[in-house]
Amino acid sequence: MQQISQRLPLSKIIDHPVNASIYRDNFDDDLVESIKQNGVLTPIVVCKHAGGSYVCLSGHRRRQAAGVLGLQEIPCLIYRDEIPEWQQVLMVVESNRQRAKTTEMLARETEALAKAKEQQAAARKKAGKKASDDLPKNFTEGSTEAGEALDLAAKQTGIGSRPTAKKAIEVVAKIDELEKAGEVAAAEELRETLNEKSVSAAHRKATSEEEPEPEPDGVLDVFGVPVPDELAEIFATRDDYAAVLNQLTQLKKAVNGLLNGPGGRWLHKTEVDSLIKDLRRTIDFGQPHTECGMCQRDAKKRETCDACKHRGYVNQMAYGNQTAAAKVWLESR
């Protein structure tokens, strides 16, 4: 797709509605001051819109800050071709790939991506061919059949498994419902639970569920096998581990944003990366992975098992310390 560089009147550029619904961008004083001193240095990216206007695909905060300063025009990169709505959504999400995001943002992003991927699959099927090769690879890679859309979207955003993504999407739908009904305090409480605690905790609150009792028959290990009764509660915490790991990913993105900013010289990148890596390794170590291959479901052996330190399960790191026979047992399940 070809682009042309041109200054456009701010009055002819509108925010993309998906960007507003996901990220709810607001400019800050630093951005306004920067544009006041230096102008808009990086052009915003737009495409044609109905009625002779243009829709912003990247640079919403710059456009808003320029408007506050009373600028009449702004430098733009304009896509000359018509861009379908689903492709616009993919571009908006891609332009926000590096930013730090809350769990709520990830949920909204996942939902929008899944819908866009379904529409992309339908367009490919109708055309009888794949999407054109001139699109960036990260917009088109992988299968986009409708049944896999949510799986692909969840993987791309990093929100977690498909069940976790579904729960998160249900939670943000409840937040919107509460806000629409004027129950702002309840909406904010649910939002805080989602962003600060976990998807599971927020979903329980959104659906008015009581804290569930462990259900051994419904709790599976990574091989899809029910775990013993005494381990069910442990394995039920995997979503919470996944939520913390996702927060670490967002923290790393936020730190990288600082490193790339004007004050980044005061941060030691190698040291920061090492600290985050160590914390991720610590969380990974405690995450329930599967039953211990040394105990092999034997309650008596578990009482004295050194391999799993009496926890009854191993993790990704501890798996490497299993004996060859234990690994065979694990993998054969």
Protein backbone atom coordinates (compact mmCIF):
# COMPACT_ATOMS: atom_id res chain seq x y z
CA MET A 1 0.00 0.00 0.00
CA GLN A 2 1.36 3.40 -1.00
CA GLN A 3 1.58 6.36 1.35
CA ILE A 4 1.99 10.05 0.64
CA SER A 5 3.25 12.71 3.01
CA GLN A 6 1.05 15.78 3.33
CA ARG A 7 -0.12 18.33 5.88
CA LEU A 8 -3.84 18.03 6.60
CA PRO A 9 -6.29 20.28 8.45
CA LEU A 10 -6.99 18.93 11.93
CA SER A 11 -10.68 19.52 11.31
CA LYS A 12 -10.65 16.81 8.65
CA ILE A 13 -9.12 14.10 10.88
CA ILE A 14 -11.16 11.98 13.29
CA ASP A 15 -10.04 9.47 15.92
CA HIS A 16 -10.57 5.82 15.10
CA PRO A 17 -13.48 4.61 17.29
CA VAL A 18 -11.69 1.35 18.15
CA ASN A 19 -8.69 3.27 19.48
CA ALA A 20 -10.99 5.28 21.75
CA SER A 21 -12.84 2.19 22.99
CA ILE A 22 -9.68 0.23 23.80
CA TYR A 23 -7.09 2.73 24.98
CA ARG A 24 -9.16 5.79 25.90
CA ASP A 25 -6.16 7.97 25.07
CA ASN A 26 -5.63 11.31 26.72
CA PHE A 27 -2.75 13.62 25.94
CA ASP A 28 -0.54 14.79 28.79
CA ASP A 29 1.14 18.09 29.64
CA ASP A 30 4.58 16.83 28.59
CA LEU A 31 3.33 15.98 25.10
CA VAL A 32 1.60 19.35 24.76
CA GLU A 33 4.76 21.17 25.85
CA SER A 34 6.90 19.14 23.45
CA ILE A 35 4.63 19.97 20.50
CA LYS A 36 4.50 23.60 21.59
CA GLN A 37 8.30 23.81 21.53
CA ASN A 38 9.10 21.59 18.55
CA GLY A 39 5.90 21.03 16.60
CA VAL A 40 4.66 17.58 15.59
CA LEU A 41 7.89 15.81 14.63
CA THR A 42 6.43 12.41 13.80
CA PRO A 43 3.57 12.47 11.26
CA ILE A 44 0.35 10.74 12.23
CA VAL A 45 -0.90 7.91 10.01
CA VAL A 46 -4.34 8.24 8.44
CA CYS A 47 -6.52 6.73 5.74
CA LYS A 48 -9.44 8.06 3.75
CA HIS A 49 -12.85 8.22 5.39
CA ALA A 50 -16.34 8.87 4.12
CA GLY A 51 -17.31 12.45 3.30
CA GLY A 52 -13.79 13.60 2.40
CA SER A 53 -12.37 13.28 5.90
CA TYR A 54 -9.60 11.05 7.24
CA VAL A 55 -9.48 8.57 10.12
CA CYS A 56 -6.43 8.35 12.38
CA LEU A 57 -4.71 4.95 12.57
CA SER A 58 -1.67 5.99 14.60
CA GLY A 59 -0.95 9.19 16.52
CA HIS A 60 -4.24 9.91 18.29
CA ARG A 61 -2.57 11.62 21.26
CA ARG A 62 -0.47 13.84 19.00
CA ARG A 63 -3.58 14.86 17.09
CA GLN A 64 -5.43 15.72 20.31
CA ALA A 65 -2.50 17.68 21.77
CA ALA A 66 -2.11 19.63 18.53
CA GLY A 67 -5.80 20.58 18.73
CA VAL A 68 -5.39 21.86 22.29
CA LEU A 69 -2.58 24.11 21.10
CA GLY A 70 -4.79 25.49 18.36
CA LEU A 71 -2.76 24.13 15.45
CA GLN A 72 -4.68 24.22 12.20
CA GLU A 73 -2.66 21.57 10.33
CA ILE A 74 -0.60 18.52 11.19
CA PRO A 75 1.89 16.43 9.16
CA CYS A 76 0.38 13.12 8.01
CA LEU A 77 1.23 9.93 6.19
CA ILE A 78 -1.83 9.12 4.09
CA TYR A 79 -2.67 5.67 2.73
CA ARG A 80 -3.77 6.22 -0.84
CA ASP A 81 -5.74 2.96 -1.04
CA GLU A 82 -9.10 2.23 0.51
CA ILE A 83 -8.59 0.19 3.68
CA PRO A 84 -11.36 -2.13 4.95
CA GLU A 85 -12.52 -1.67 8.53
CA TRP A 86 -11.06 -4.95 9.79
CA GLN A 87 -7.64 -3.99 8.44
CA GLN A 88 -7.87 -0.58 10.08
CA VAL A 89 -8.45 -2.31 13.42
CA LEU A 90 -5.36 -4.49 12.94
CA MET A 91 -3.32 -1.38 12.15
CA VAL A 92 -4.60 0.52 15.19
CA VAL A 93 -3.71 -2.39 17.48
CA GLU A 94 -0.30 -2.81 15.87
CA SER A 95 0.49 0.89 16.32
CA ASN A 96 -0.07 0.41 20.07
CA ARG A 97 1.93 -2.79 20.36
CA GLN A 98 4.77 -1.35 22.47
CA ARG A 99 2.71 0.63 24.96
CA ALA A 100 2.09 -0.49 28.54
CA LYS A 101 -1.46 -1.81 28.92
CA THR A 102 -3.82 -2.67 31.70
CA THR A 103 -5.65 -5.99 31.72
CA GLU A 104 -8.78 -4.11 30.70
CA MET A 105 -7.00 -2.75 27.63
CA LEU A 106 -5.77 -6.23 26.75
CA ALA A 107 -9.30 -7.62 27.04
CA ARG A 108 -10.76 -4.93 24.79
CA GLU A 109 -7.85 -5.32 22.40
CA THR A 110 -8.36 -9.09 22.26
CA GLU A 111 -12.07 -8.74 21.54
CA ALA A 112 -11.49 -6.19 18.76
CA LEU A 113 -8.72 -8.31 17.24
CA ALA A 114 -10.86 -11.46 17.27
CA LYS A 115 -13.67 -9.70 15.42
CA ALA A 116 -11.23 -8.22 12.91
CA LYS A 117 -9.62 -11.61 12.30
CA GLU A 118 -13.03 -13.18 11.67
CA GLN A 119 -13.78 -10.46 9.13
CA GLN A 120 -10.34 -10.95 7.60
CA ALA A 121 -11.00 -14.68 7.24
CA ALA A 122 -14.34 -13.99 5.59
CA ALA A 123 -12.71 -11.54 3.16
CA ARG A 124 -10.04 -14.07 2.24
CA LYS A 125 -12.61 -16.78 1.69
CA LYS A 126 -14.73 -14.53 -0.50
CA ALA A 127 -11.70 -13.48 -2.56
CA GLY A 128 -10.50 -17.06 -2.80
CA LYS A 129 -6.97 -16.07 -1.90
CA LYS A 130 -4.80 -14.88 0.94
CA ALA A 131 -4.46 -11.25 1.97
CA SER A 132 -2.16 -9.24 -0.29
CA ASP A 133 1.54 -9.56 0.33
CA ASP A 134 2.02 -5.83 0.71
CA LEU A 135 0.55 -5.89 4.24
CA PRO A 136 2.98 -6.05 7.17
CA LYS A 137 3.60 -9.69 8.15
CA ASN A 138 2.34 -9.26 11.69
CA PHE A 139 -1.04 -8.21 10.27
CA THR A 140 -1.55 -11.41 8.29
CA GLU A 141 0.49 -14.27 9.67
CA GLY A 142 -1.23 -17.42 10.88
CA SER A 143 -4.59 -18.97 10.17
CA THR A 144 -7.62 -16.73 10.70
CA GLU A 145 -10.52 -19.12 10.43
CA ALA A 146 -13.44 -17.87 12.50
CA GLY A 147 -13.19 -20.69 15.04
CA GLU A 148 -9.57 -19.81 15.79
CA ALA A 149 -9.95 -16.03 15.85
CA LEU A 150 -10.13 -15.66 19.64
CA ASP A 151 -7.23 -18.09 20.17
CA LEU A 152 -5.07 -16.11 17.75
CA ALA A 153 -6.10 -12.77 19.23
CA ALA A 154 -5.41 -13.95 22.81
CA LYS A 155 -2.00 -15.23 21.77
CA GLN A 156 -1.15 -11.95 20.04
CA THR A 157 -2.16 -9.74 22.96
CA GLY A 158 -0.69 -12.08 25.57
CA ILE A 159 -3.78 -12.00 27.77
CA GLY A 160 -3.62 -15.75 28.37
CA SER A 161 -5.58 -18.80 27.32
CA ARG A 162 -8.84 -18.70 25.39
CA PRO A 163 -10.92 -19.30 28.58
CA THR A 164 -9.08 -16.45 30.31
CA ALA A 165 -9.71 -14.17 27.32
CA LYS A 166 -13.42 -15.04 27.36
CA LYS A 167 -13.67 -14.23 31.06
CA ALA A 168 -11.85 -10.93 30.62
CA ILE A 169 -14.11 -9.91 27.72
CA GLU A 170 -17.17 -10.69 29.84
CA VAL A 171 -15.77 -8.54 32.63
CA VAL A 172 -15.24 -5.47 30.41
CA ALA A 173 -18.75 -5.95 29.02
CA LYS A 174 -20.01 -5.78 32.61
CA ILE A 175 -17.93 -2.65 33.25
CA ASP A 176 -19.54 -0.99 30.22
CA GLU A 177 -22.99 -2.12 31.38
CA LEU A 178 -22.45 -0.62 34.84
CA GLU A 179 -21.17 2.67 33.42
CA LYS A 180 -24.11 2.92 31.04
CA ALA A 181 -26.47 2.38 33.98
CA GLY A 182 -24.77 5.19 35.91
CA GLU A 183 -23.21 2.83 38.47
CA VAL A 184 -19.79 4.45 38.16
CA ALA A 185 -18.47 3.36 41.58
CA ALA A 186 -19.32 -0.30 40.91
CA ALA A 187 -17.71 -0.08 37.48
CA GLU A 188 -14.51 1.38 38.94
CA GLU A 189 -14.41 -1.28 41.65
CA LEU A 190 -14.70 -4.03 39.03
CA ARG A 191 -12.08 -2.32 36.85
CA GLU A 192 -9.66 -2.16 39.78
CA THR A 193 -10.18 -5.86 40.53
CA LEU A 194 -9.48 -6.73 36.88
CA ASN A 195 -6.36 -4.56 36.60
CA GLU A 196 -4.87 -4.99 40.06
CA LYS A 197 -5.85 -8.54 41.03
CA SER A 198 -6.74 -11.12 38.38
CA VAL A 199 -9.16 -12.01 35.61
CA SER A 200 -10.60 -14.82 37.71
CA ALA A 201 -11.30 -12.56 40.69
CA ALA A 202 -12.91 -9.92 38.47
CA HIS A 203 -15.02 -12.53 36.68
CA ARG A 204 -16.32 -13.86 39.99
CA LYS A 205 -17.25 -10.33 41.02
CA ALA A 206 -18.84 -9.55 37.63
CA THR A 207 -20.98 -12.68 37.68
CA SER A 208 -21.76 -12.44 41.41
CA GLU A 209 -20.19 -15.83 41.99
CA GLU A 210 -19.03 -16.84 45.43
CA GLU A 211 -15.45 -17.98 45.84
CA PRO A 212 -15.62 -21.45 44.29
CA GLU A 213 -14.83 -24.57 46.23
CA PRO A 214 -12.15 -26.71 44.61
CA GLU A 215 -13.62 -29.14 42.11
CA PRO A 216 -11.07 -31.93 41.64
CA ASP A 217 -12.81 -33.45 38.62
CA GLY A 218 -12.78 -30.09 36.83
CA VAL A 219 -9.14 -29.15 37.51
CA LEU A 220 -6.72 -30.54 34.96
CA ASP A 221 -2.96 -30.53 34.58
CA VAL A 222 -1.23 -29.45 31.37
CA PHE A 223 -1.79 -32.93 29.92
CA GLY A 224 -5.56 -32.64 30.40
CA VAL A 225 -5.58 -35.17 33.23
CA PRO A 226 -7.56 -34.51 36.47
CA VAL A 227 -5.22 -33.86 39.40
CA PRO A 228 -5.62 -35.56 42.80
CA ASP A 229 -8.08 -34.02 45.27
CA GLU A 230 -5.37 -32.54 47.48
CA LEU A 231 -3.79 -30.70 44.51
CA ALA A 232 -6.95 -29.29 42.94
CA GLU A 233 -6.75 -25.99 44.82
CA ILE A 234 -3.12 -25.51 43.81
CA PHE A 235 -3.79 -26.06 40.10
CA ALA A 236 -6.81 -23.75 40.24
CA THR A 237 -4.38 -20.82 40.75
CA ARG A 238 -2.84 -21.08 37.27
CA ASP A 239 -4.92 -18.17 35.92
CA ASP A 240 -3.65 -16.00 38.77
CA TYR A 241 -0.05 -16.91 37.91
CA ALA A 242 -0.74 -16.09 34.27
CA ALA A 243 -2.18 -12.70 35.29
CA VAL A 244 0.95 -11.82 37.29
CA LEU A 245 3.23 -12.85 34.43
CA ASN A 246 1.20 -10.67 32.08
CA GLN A 247 1.59 -7.73 34.47
CA LEU A 248 5.36 -8.27 34.39
CA THR A 249 5.23 -8.10 30.59
CA GLN A 250 3.37 -4.80 30.80
CA LEU A 251 5.86 -3.53 33.40
CA LYS A 252 8.75 -4.31 31.07
CA LYS A 253 7.03 -2.40 28.25
CA ALA A 254 6.50 0.57 30.56
CA VAL A 255 10.15 0.55 31.63
CA ASN A 256 11.26 0.34 28.00
CA GLY A 257 9.12 3.40 27.35
CA LEU A 258 11.06 5.27 30.04
CA LEU A 259 14.37 4.02 28.67
CA ASN A 260 13.51 5.37 25.24
CA GLY A 261 12.41 8.73 26.65
CA PRO A 262 14.45 11.83 27.49
CA GLY A 263 15.13 10.63 31.04
CA GLY A 264 16.19 7.15 29.98
CA ARG A 265 19.86 7.85 30.45
CA TRP A 266 19.36 7.61 34.20
CA LEU A 267 18.19 3.99 33.95
CA HIS A 268 20.55 1.07 33.52
CA LYS A 269 18.85 -1.13 30.93
CA THR A 270 20.85 -4.28 31.65
CA GLU A 271 20.17 -4.05 35.38
CA VAL A 272 16.44 -3.39 34.88
CA ASP A 273 16.09 -6.27 32.41
CA SER A 274 17.91 -8.56 34.83
CA LEU A 275 15.61 -7.65 37.73
CA ILE A 276 12.46 -8.24 35.70
CA LYS A 277 13.90 -11.48 34.34
CA ASP A 278 14.70 -12.71 37.85
CA LEU A 279 11.20 -11.86 39.05
CA ARG A 280 9.64 -13.66 36.09
CA ARG A 281 11.83 -16.70 36.79
CA THR A 282 10.69 -16.69 40.42
CA ILE A 283 7.01 -16.60 39.44
CA ASP A 284 7.57 -19.28 36.80
CA PHE A 285 9.22 -21.51 39.42
CA GLY A 286 6.11 -21.50 41.61
CA GLN A 287 3.61 -22.00 38.80
CA PRO A 288 1.93 -25.45 38.90
CA HIS A 289 3.02 -27.27 35.77
CA THR A 290 2.05 -30.93 36.25
CA GLU A 291 2.13 -33.69 38.81
CA CYS A 292 5.51 -34.86 39.97
CA GLY A 293 6.93 -37.66 37.86
CA MET A 294 8.66 -39.14 40.89
CA CYS A 295 5.51 -39.41 43.03
CA GLN A 296 3.30 -40.51 40.14
CA ARG A 297 0.01 -39.95 42.02
CA ASP A 298 1.17 -42.10 44.94
CA ALA A 299 0.14 -40.28 48.14
CA LYS A 300 2.61 -42.21 50.29
CA LYS A 301 5.55 -41.43 48.00
CA ARG A 302 4.55 -37.78 47.93
CA GLU A 303 5.07 -37.49 51.68
CA THR A 304 8.83 -38.02 51.30
CA CYS A 305 9.36 -36.82 47.72
CA ASP A 306 12.43 -34.59 47.42
CA ALA A 307 11.91 -33.92 43.70
CA CYS A 308 8.78 -31.83 44.23
CA LYS A 309 9.64 -30.69 47.76
CA HIS A 310 6.41 -32.16 49.11
CA ARG A 311 4.22 -29.93 46.91
CA GLY A 312 2.98 -32.81 44.76
CA TYR A 313 3.72 -31.05 41.48
CA VAL A 314 6.63 -29.78 39.43
CA ASN A 315 7.07 -26.71 37.25
CA GLN A 316 8.87 -25.87 34.01
CA MET A 317 12.20 -25.44 35.77
CA ALA A 318 11.91 -28.45 38.06
CA TYR A 319 10.87 -30.65 35.14
CA GLY A 320 14.48 -30.69 33.99
CA ASN A 321 15.50 -32.31 37.28
CA GLN A 322 13.22 -35.33 36.89
CA THR A 323 14.76 -38.71 36.21
CA ALA A 324 14.48 -40.19 32.73
CA ALA A 325 11.84 -42.67 33.96
CA ALA A 326 9.82 -39.86 35.57
CA LYS A 327 9.94 -37.80 32.37
CA VAL A 328 8.70 -40.78 30.37
CA TRP A 329 5.81 -41.18 32.79
CA LEU A 330 4.90 -37.50 32.52
CA GLU A 331 5.13 -37.38 28.73
CA SER A 332 3.20 -40.62 28.24
CA ARG A 333 0.13 -39.17 29.93
